[in-house]
Amino acid sequence: MTKENTLLSHLQTQGVSRRSFLKYCAVTASMLGLVPQEAKLLAHTLAVLPKPTVIWLSFQECTGCTESLTRSYDNSIENLILNYISLDYHHTLQVASGFAAEHARIQAMANASGQYVVMVDGSIPLLNGGAVSTIAGQSNLQMLRETVADAALVIAVGTCASFGGLPMADPNPTQAVSVQELMARGEIATKPIINISGCPPVPEVITGVVAYYLSYLEVPALDDYGRPQIFYGKTVHNCCSRLGHYEAGEFAQSFDDEGARNGHCLYLLGCKGPTTFNACTTVKWNGQTSYPMHSGHGCLGCAEPNFWDNGSFYSVLNSAPASGDGSTCTVPVIPTLP
């Protein structure tokens, strides 16, 4: 690796001074509670890091996750692609097509063997050996198996890749499965994996996880479903702006009644916020403009496994949720790339 290939040298060509880079590392280390010696190690590690290679695979999906990614405000997709990562393969965003596209993927895997990140959106069908969904003559399973084999990290983007999503909903006609399920079965190599669920995920959650990995060179703390706790540690209900109305027993009876217009709780209209862990109500959408309940619609529970099969979006949950846990709901602190 030459000096010109390091992340620091690349940032310097973009006008980021070494002083600004070290200040960023110091702030990041402070947020982690690291001692000065560890902060210096963090700065050294990032300084000599080459631009990470990222290969994005799209399988049974609607392109909604990519659409969400391109609408990120903080740690924008343009910033990540142009300055911090080398996005060498992405069906929707790449210019190359046909043989040139597949050559780019194979070449990226060879050049960064053991070091590249694989991002996957969409579930993987197993019906007829996976023949129901193919790319360049390969089934989704074959392409995923080949690409993951020498990867350093796998990020499953969206509920389809994380849990199977809509394609896996009953009766699951294509025998769709998630990336993590394939690892558990031994169908693909076992690698560190992060699930970023949501249909689609909040864009800043996607780019925030990438920023975290670039900054700390490790997987963040995960919940039982393999999701980053920093974004999925609280229920949507617990951080909802309508929580006070729930605790006061004030509920909308229909989407157009006086209670709905006055911001009353949407629990009786089928809101799944009490059973859904996500950052919608803290990070929000469209540059922290809004989120479903703020706009007058209940949570669909899209970040949870089997959300398509968990009853109607407008049916009331079987058991009443608890009140808020009393903790403060704040925007998750994530590193912003310099």
Protein backbone atom coordinates (compact mmCIF):
# COMPACT_ATOMS: atom_id res chain seq x y z
CA MET A 1 0.00 0.00 0.00
CA THR A 2 1.44 3.37 -0.99
CA LYS A 3 1.09 6.56 1.00
CA GLU A 4 -1.28 7.92 -1.66
CA ASN A 5 -3.69 5.05 -1.05
CA THR A 6 -4.29 5.77 2.65
CA LEU A 7 -7.48 7.35 3.91
CA LEU A 8 -5.63 10.28 5.47
CA SER A 9 -3.70 11.09 2.30
CA HIS A 10 -6.91 10.94 0.28
CA LEU A 11 -8.66 13.29 2.72
CA GLN A 12 -5.74 15.70 2.48
CA THR A 13 -6.18 15.86 -1.29
CA GLN A 14 -9.80 16.88 -0.58
CA GLY A 15 -8.70 19.78 1.61
CA VAL A 16 -8.95 18.11 5.04
CA SER A 17 -5.92 19.09 7.09
CA ARG A 18 -4.08 16.68 9.36
CA ARG A 19 -5.05 18.93 12.27
CA SER A 20 -8.76 18.59 11.42
CA PHE A 21 -8.33 14.85 11.03
CA LEU A 22 -6.70 14.52 14.45
CA LYS A 23 -9.40 16.72 16.02
CA TYR A 24 -12.05 14.42 14.55
CA CYS A 25 -10.25 11.38 15.99
CA ALA A 26 -10.00 13.04 19.41
CA VAL A 27 -13.73 13.84 19.47
CA THR A 28 -14.61 10.32 18.37
CA ALA A 29 -12.34 8.82 21.05
CA SER A 30 -13.88 11.10 23.68
CA MET A 31 -17.37 9.89 22.78
CA LEU A 32 -16.13 6.34 23.32
CA GLY A 33 -14.53 7.19 26.65
CA LEU A 34 -11.05 6.21 25.40
CA VAL A 35 -7.91 7.24 27.22
CA PRO A 36 -5.38 9.46 25.35
CA GLN A 37 -3.18 6.51 24.43
CA GLU A 38 -6.13 4.74 22.81
CA ALA A 39 -7.11 7.94 21.02
CA LYS A 40 -3.66 8.07 19.45
CA LEU A 41 -4.01 4.46 18.36
CA LEU A 42 -7.39 5.25 16.79
CA ALA A 43 -5.89 8.16 14.85
CA HIS A 44 -2.97 6.04 13.66
CA THR A 45 -5.26 3.21 12.57
CA LEU A 46 -7.52 5.49 10.54
CA ALA A 47 -4.57 7.40 9.06
CA VAL A 48 -3.02 4.32 7.48
CA LEU A 49 -6.32 2.71 6.50
CA PRO A 50 -6.89 2.31 2.76
CA LYS A 51 -10.26 3.34 1.33
CA PRO A 52 -12.42 0.31 2.15
CA THR A 53 -13.88 -1.61 -0.76
CA VAL A 54 -17.66 -2.05 -0.59
CA ILE A 55 -19.62 -4.48 -2.76
CA TRP A 56 -23.40 -4.00 -2.69
CA LEU A 57 -25.57 -6.94 -3.77
CA SER A 58 -29.30 -6.58 -4.52
CA PHE A 59 -31.52 -9.65 -4.59
CA GLN A 60 -35.30 -10.01 -3.94
CA GLU A 61 -36.02 -6.37 -3.17
CA CYS A 62 -37.83 -3.26 -4.41
CA THR A 63 -34.81 -0.89 -4.51
CA GLY A 64 -36.37 0.96 -1.57
CA CYS A 65 -33.25 0.53 0.56
CA THR A 66 -31.08 2.13 -2.12
CA GLU A 67 -33.65 4.89 -2.53
CA SER A 68 -33.46 5.49 1.23
CA LEU A 69 -29.67 5.49 1.19
CA THR A 70 -29.51 8.18 -1.48
CA ARG A 71 -31.65 10.44 0.72
CA SER A 72 -29.30 10.50 3.70
CA TYR A 73 -28.59 13.98 5.06
CA ASP A 74 -25.78 13.34 7.56
CA ASN A 75 -22.86 11.22 6.33
CA SER A 76 -24.42 11.57 2.87
CA ILE A 77 -24.09 8.84 0.27
CA GLU A 78 -22.10 11.22 -1.95
CA ASN A 79 -19.64 11.84 0.88
CA LEU A 80 -19.28 8.14 1.64
CA ILE A 81 -18.83 7.08 -1.99
CA LEU A 82 -16.52 9.88 -3.12
CA ASN A 83 -14.38 10.33 -0.03
CA TYR A 84 -14.46 7.35 2.32
CA ILE A 85 -15.32 4.12 0.57
CA SER A 86 -14.71 2.58 -2.81
CA LEU A 87 -18.16 1.40 -3.91
CA ASP A 88 -17.02 -0.97 -6.61
CA TYR A 89 -20.29 -2.75 -7.37
CA HIS A 90 -23.91 -1.71 -7.05
CA HIS A 91 -26.57 -2.75 -9.56
CA THR A 92 -28.49 0.53 -9.40
CA LEU A 93 -25.75 3.11 -8.94
CA GLN A 94 -22.92 1.76 -11.08
CA VAL A 95 -22.30 2.90 -14.65
CA ALA A 96 -20.92 -0.44 -15.82
CA SER A 97 -23.25 -3.16 -17.06
CA GLY A 98 -23.06 -6.69 -18.40
CA PHE A 99 -19.62 -8.33 -18.43
CA ALA A 100 -17.95 -5.09 -17.28
CA ALA A 101 -20.11 -4.96 -14.16
CA GLU A 102 -19.35 -8.53 -13.14
CA HIS A 103 -15.67 -8.01 -13.91
CA ALA A 104 -15.68 -5.05 -11.50
CA ARG A 105 -17.09 -7.24 -8.71
CA ILE A 106 -14.60 -10.06 -9.28
CA GLN A 107 -11.70 -7.61 -9.53
CA ALA A 108 -12.75 -5.83 -6.33
CA MET A 109 -12.92 -9.15 -4.47
CA ALA A 110 -9.44 -10.09 -5.66
CA ASN A 111 -7.85 -6.71 -4.91
CA ALA A 112 -9.27 -6.46 -1.38
CA SER A 113 -9.49 -10.12 -0.41
CA GLY A 114 -10.27 -10.48 3.29
CA GLN A 115 -10.82 -6.75 3.73
CA TYR A 116 -13.90 -5.71 1.76
CA VAL A 117 -17.41 -5.08 3.09
CA VAL A 118 -20.45 -6.75 1.52
CA MET A 119 -23.76 -4.91 1.78
CA VAL A 120 -26.87 -6.89 0.83
CA ASP A 121 -30.43 -5.78 0.31
CA GLY A 122 -33.20 -8.21 -0.52
CA SER A 123 -33.89 -11.78 0.57
CA ILE A 124 -32.38 -14.81 -1.12
CA PRO A 125 -34.73 -17.34 -2.79
CA LEU A 126 -33.95 -21.06 -2.60
CA LEU A 127 -36.77 -22.44 -4.78
CA ASN A 128 -35.47 -24.62 -7.62
CA GLY A 129 -31.94 -24.19 -6.42
CA GLY A 130 -32.33 -20.43 -6.48
CA ALA A 131 -33.13 -20.34 -10.22
CA VAL A 132 -36.12 -18.04 -9.64
CA SER A 133 -33.76 -15.08 -9.28
CA THR A 134 -30.48 -14.90 -11.19
CA ILE A 135 -27.90 -12.28 -12.10
CA ALA A 136 -25.37 -12.77 -14.89
CA GLY A 137 -26.15 -16.47 -15.00
CA GLN A 138 -25.71 -16.97 -11.26
CA SER A 139 -28.43 -17.56 -8.71
CA ASN A 140 -28.61 -15.05 -5.87
CA LEU A 141 -27.36 -17.75 -3.52
CA GLN A 142 -24.35 -18.53 -5.72
CA MET A 143 -23.39 -14.88 -6.05
CA LEU A 144 -23.79 -14.25 -2.33
CA ARG A 145 -21.79 -17.35 -1.42
CA GLU A 146 -18.98 -16.36 -3.79
CA THR A 147 -18.86 -12.73 -2.65
CA VAL A 148 -19.10 -13.35 1.10
CA ALA A 149 -16.35 -15.99 1.12
CA ASP A 150 -13.47 -13.50 1.47
CA ALA A 151 -15.35 -10.57 3.02
CA ALA A 152 -14.40 -8.90 6.30
CA LEU A 153 -17.94 -7.81 7.19
CA VAL A 154 -21.49 -8.31 5.91
CA ILE A 155 -24.20 -5.68 6.37
CA ALA A 156 -27.78 -6.80 5.69
CA VAL A 157 -29.67 -3.66 4.66
CA GLY A 158 -33.44 -3.68 5.10
CA THR A 159 -35.90 -6.16 6.59
CA CYS A 160 -35.78 -8.44 3.52
CA ALA A 161 -32.03 -9.06 3.87
CA SER A 162 -32.20 -9.04 7.69
CA PHE A 163 -35.24 -11.25 8.28
CA GLY A 164 -36.74 -12.28 4.92
CA GLY A 165 -39.22 -9.42 4.72
CA LEU A 166 -42.06 -9.33 2.22
CA PRO A 167 -40.73 -12.12 -0.05
CA MET A 168 -40.74 -14.50 2.93
CA ALA A 169 -44.31 -13.62 3.94
CA ASP A 170 -46.80 -16.48 3.91
CA PRO A 171 -46.90 -18.54 1.71
CA ASN A 172 -43.27 -17.65 0.84
CA PRO A 173 -43.57 -18.78 -2.79
CA THR A 174 -39.84 -18.48 -3.56
CA GLN A 175 -38.60 -20.06 -0.31
CA ALA A 176 -36.93 -16.76 0.56
CA VAL A 177 -34.50 -16.57 3.49
CA SER A 178 -32.34 -13.91 5.12
CA VAL A 179 -28.57 -13.55 4.93
CA GLN A 180 -28.19 -14.47 8.60
CA GLU A 181 -30.31 -17.60 8.13
CA LEU A 182 -28.00 -18.74 5.34
CA MET A 183 -25.01 -18.29 7.64
CA ALA A 184 -26.76 -20.26 10.38
CA ARG A 185 -27.45 -23.09 7.92
CA GLY A 186 -23.87 -23.16 6.69
CA GLU A 187 -24.98 -22.24 3.16
CA ILE A 188 -22.55 -19.31 3.07
CA ALA A 189 -19.42 -18.49 5.03
CA THR A 190 -19.93 -17.23 8.58
CA LYS A 191 -18.75 -13.63 8.86
CA PRO A 192 -19.40 -10.74 11.24
CA ILE A 193 -22.85 -9.47 10.24
CA ILE A 194 -24.89 -6.39 11.08
CA ASN A 195 -28.63 -6.29 10.41
CA ILE A 196 -30.06 -2.87 9.57
CA SER A 197 -33.76 -3.68 9.48
CA GLY A 198 -36.59 -1.45 8.29
CA CYS A 199 -38.73 -1.30 5.16
CA PRO A 200 -36.75 0.68 4.27
CA PRO A 201 -34.28 1.59 7.05
CA VAL A 202 -33.81 5.21 8.06
CA PRO A 203 -31.09 6.45 5.65
CA GLU A 204 -28.90 7.94 8.41
CA VAL A 205 -28.95 4.54 10.14
CA ILE A 206 -27.45 2.93 7.03
CA THR A 207 -24.74 5.53 6.56
CA GLY A 208 -24.24 5.84 10.33
CA VAL A 209 -23.38 2.15 10.62
CA VAL A 210 -20.88 2.47 7.77
CA ALA A 211 -19.39 5.56 9.45
CA TYR A 212 -19.13 3.66 12.75
CA TYR A 213 -17.30 0.77 11.13
CA LEU A 214 -14.90 3.10 9.32
CA SER A 215 -14.22 5.02 12.52
CA TYR A 216 -13.85 2.16 15.00
CA LEU A 217 -12.95 -0.75 12.69
CA GLU A 218 -15.32 -3.00 14.61
CA VAL A 219 -18.94 -4.07 14.77
CA PRO A 220 -21.06 -1.94 17.17
CA ALA A 221 -22.91 -3.51 20.08
CA LEU A 222 -25.82 -5.53 18.66
CA ASP A 223 -29.20 -6.61 20.01
CA ASP A 224 -30.58 -10.16 19.93
CA TYR A 225 -31.53 -9.72 16.26
CA GLY A 226 -28.08 -8.54 15.24
CA ARG A 227 -29.09 -4.87 14.99
CA PRO A 228 -26.98 -1.95 16.31
CA GLN A 229 -28.23 -1.08 19.79
CA ILE A 230 -27.38 2.57 19.22
CA PHE A 231 -30.29 2.71 16.75
CA TYR A 232 -32.50 -0.18 17.85
CA GLY A 233 -32.21 0.06 21.63
CA LYS A 234 -35.61 1.66 22.30
CA THR A 235 -39.12 1.06 21.08
CA VAL A 236 -40.76 3.54 18.76
CA HIS A 237 -43.53 3.84 21.39
CA ASN A 238 -41.13 4.82 24.16
CA CYS A 239 -39.73 7.73 22.13
CA CYS A 240 -42.95 8.81 20.39
CA SER A 241 -44.15 12.40 20.66
CA ARG A 242 -47.64 10.97 21.37
CA LEU A 243 -46.48 8.98 24.44
CA GLY A 244 -47.84 11.59 26.84
CA HIS A 245 -51.31 11.16 25.34
CA TYR A 246 -51.05 7.39 25.76
CA GLU A 247 -50.16 7.78 29.43
CA ALA A 248 -53.08 10.21 29.85
CA GLY A 249 -55.47 7.72 28.25
CA GLU A 250 -56.09 9.94 25.22
CA PHE A 251 -56.55 7.86 22.07
CA ALA A 252 -57.63 8.64 18.53
CA GLN A 253 -60.65 6.55 17.52
CA SER A 254 -60.25 7.18 13.80
CA PHE A 255 -57.68 8.89 11.61
CA ASP A 256 -59.90 11.91 11.05
CA ASP A 257 -61.41 12.52 14.49
CA GLU A 258 -60.63 15.36 16.88
CA GLY A 259 -58.26 13.20 18.90
CA ALA A 260 -56.17 12.41 15.82
CA ARG A 261 -56.03 16.11 14.95
CA ASN A 262 -54.91 16.90 18.49
CA GLY A 263 -52.03 14.40 18.40
CA HIS A 264 -53.63 11.69 20.55
CA CYS A 265 -52.10 8.21 20.71
CA LEU A 266 -52.72 5.95 17.69
CA TYR A 267 -52.58 2.68 19.66
CA LEU A 268 -56.27 1.86 19.07
CA LEU A 269 -55.74 2.35 15.32
CA GLY A 270 -53.18 -0.45 15.17
CA CYS A 271 -49.90 1.36 15.85
CA LYS A 272 -47.13 -1.23 16.31
CA GLY A 273 -44.76 1.21 18.01
CA PRO A 274 -44.90 -0.64 21.37
CA THR A 275 -43.37 -3.78 19.83
CA THR A 276 -41.04 -2.14 17.32
CA PHE A 277 -37.43 -1.17 17.99
CA ASN A 278 -36.16 1.48 15.60
CA ALA A 279 -34.77 5.02 15.40
CA CYS A 280 -37.70 6.58 13.49
CA THR A 281 -38.77 8.78 16.39
CA THR A 282 -35.25 9.93 17.29
CA VAL A 283 -33.29 10.17 14.02
CA LYS A 284 -36.54 10.73 12.06
CA TRP A 285 -36.83 11.01 8.28
CA ASN A 286 -36.05 13.61 5.62
CA GLY A 287 -33.39 15.44 7.59
CA GLN A 288 -35.15 14.99 10.97
CA THR A 289 -38.36 16.48 9.58
CA SER A 290 -40.89 13.88 10.66
CA TYR A 291 -41.83 10.22 11.17
CA PRO A 292 -45.09 8.22 10.69
CA MET A 293 -46.79 8.96 14.02
CA HIS A 294 -45.82 12.63 13.85
CA SER A 295 -47.49 12.71 10.43
CA GLY A 296 -50.65 11.01 11.71
CA HIS A 297 -50.17 7.31 10.88
CA GLY A 298 -49.33 4.46 13.20
CA CYS A 299 -46.08 2.49 13.12
CA LEU A 300 -46.27 -0.60 10.85
CA GLY A 301 -43.57 -2.49 12.77
CA CYS A 302 -41.43 -2.81 9.65
CA ALA A 303 -38.13 -3.22 11.52
CA GLU A 304 -39.25 -6.44 13.22
CA PRO A 305 -39.11 -10.04 11.95
CA ASN A 306 -42.27 -11.34 10.22
CA PHE A 307 -43.94 -7.93 10.31
CA TRP A 308 -45.96 -8.76 7.18
CA ASP A 309 -47.47 -11.82 8.91
CA ASN A 310 -48.02 -10.31 12.36
CA GLY A 311 -51.64 -9.34 11.72
CA SER A 312 -53.22 -6.40 10.00
CA PHE A 313 -51.43 -3.08 10.18
CA TYR A 314 -54.66 -1.66 11.61
CA SER A 315 -55.49 -4.36 14.16
CA VAL A 316 -54.88 -3.49 17.82
CA LEU A 317 -52.04 -5.28 19.58
CA ASN A 318 -53.15 -8.16 21.80
CA SER A 319 -51.72 -6.65 24.98
CA ALA A 320 -51.47 -3.05 26.09
CA PRO A 321 -47.95 -1.61 26.05
CA ALA A 322 -46.17 -0.34 29.10
CA SER A 323 -45.68 3.35 29.61
CA GLY A 324 -42.36 4.94 28.79
CA ASP A 325 -39.43 3.64 30.79
CA GLY A 326 -38.57 7.13 31.99
CA SER A 327 -35.27 7.32 30.15
CA THR A 328 -34.42 10.22 27.89
CA CYS A 329 -34.87 9.67 24.17
CA THR A 330 -32.14 11.51 22.32
CA VAL A 331 -30.73 11.34 18.82
CA PRO A 332 -28.12 8.54 18.82
CA VAL A 333 -24.58 9.92 18.93
CA ILE A 334 -22.76 8.67 15.87
CA PRO A 335 -19.47 9.80 14.39
CA THR A 336 -19.81 12.30 11.57
CA LEU A 337 -17.06 11.77 9.05
CA PRO A 338 -14.86 14.86 8.63
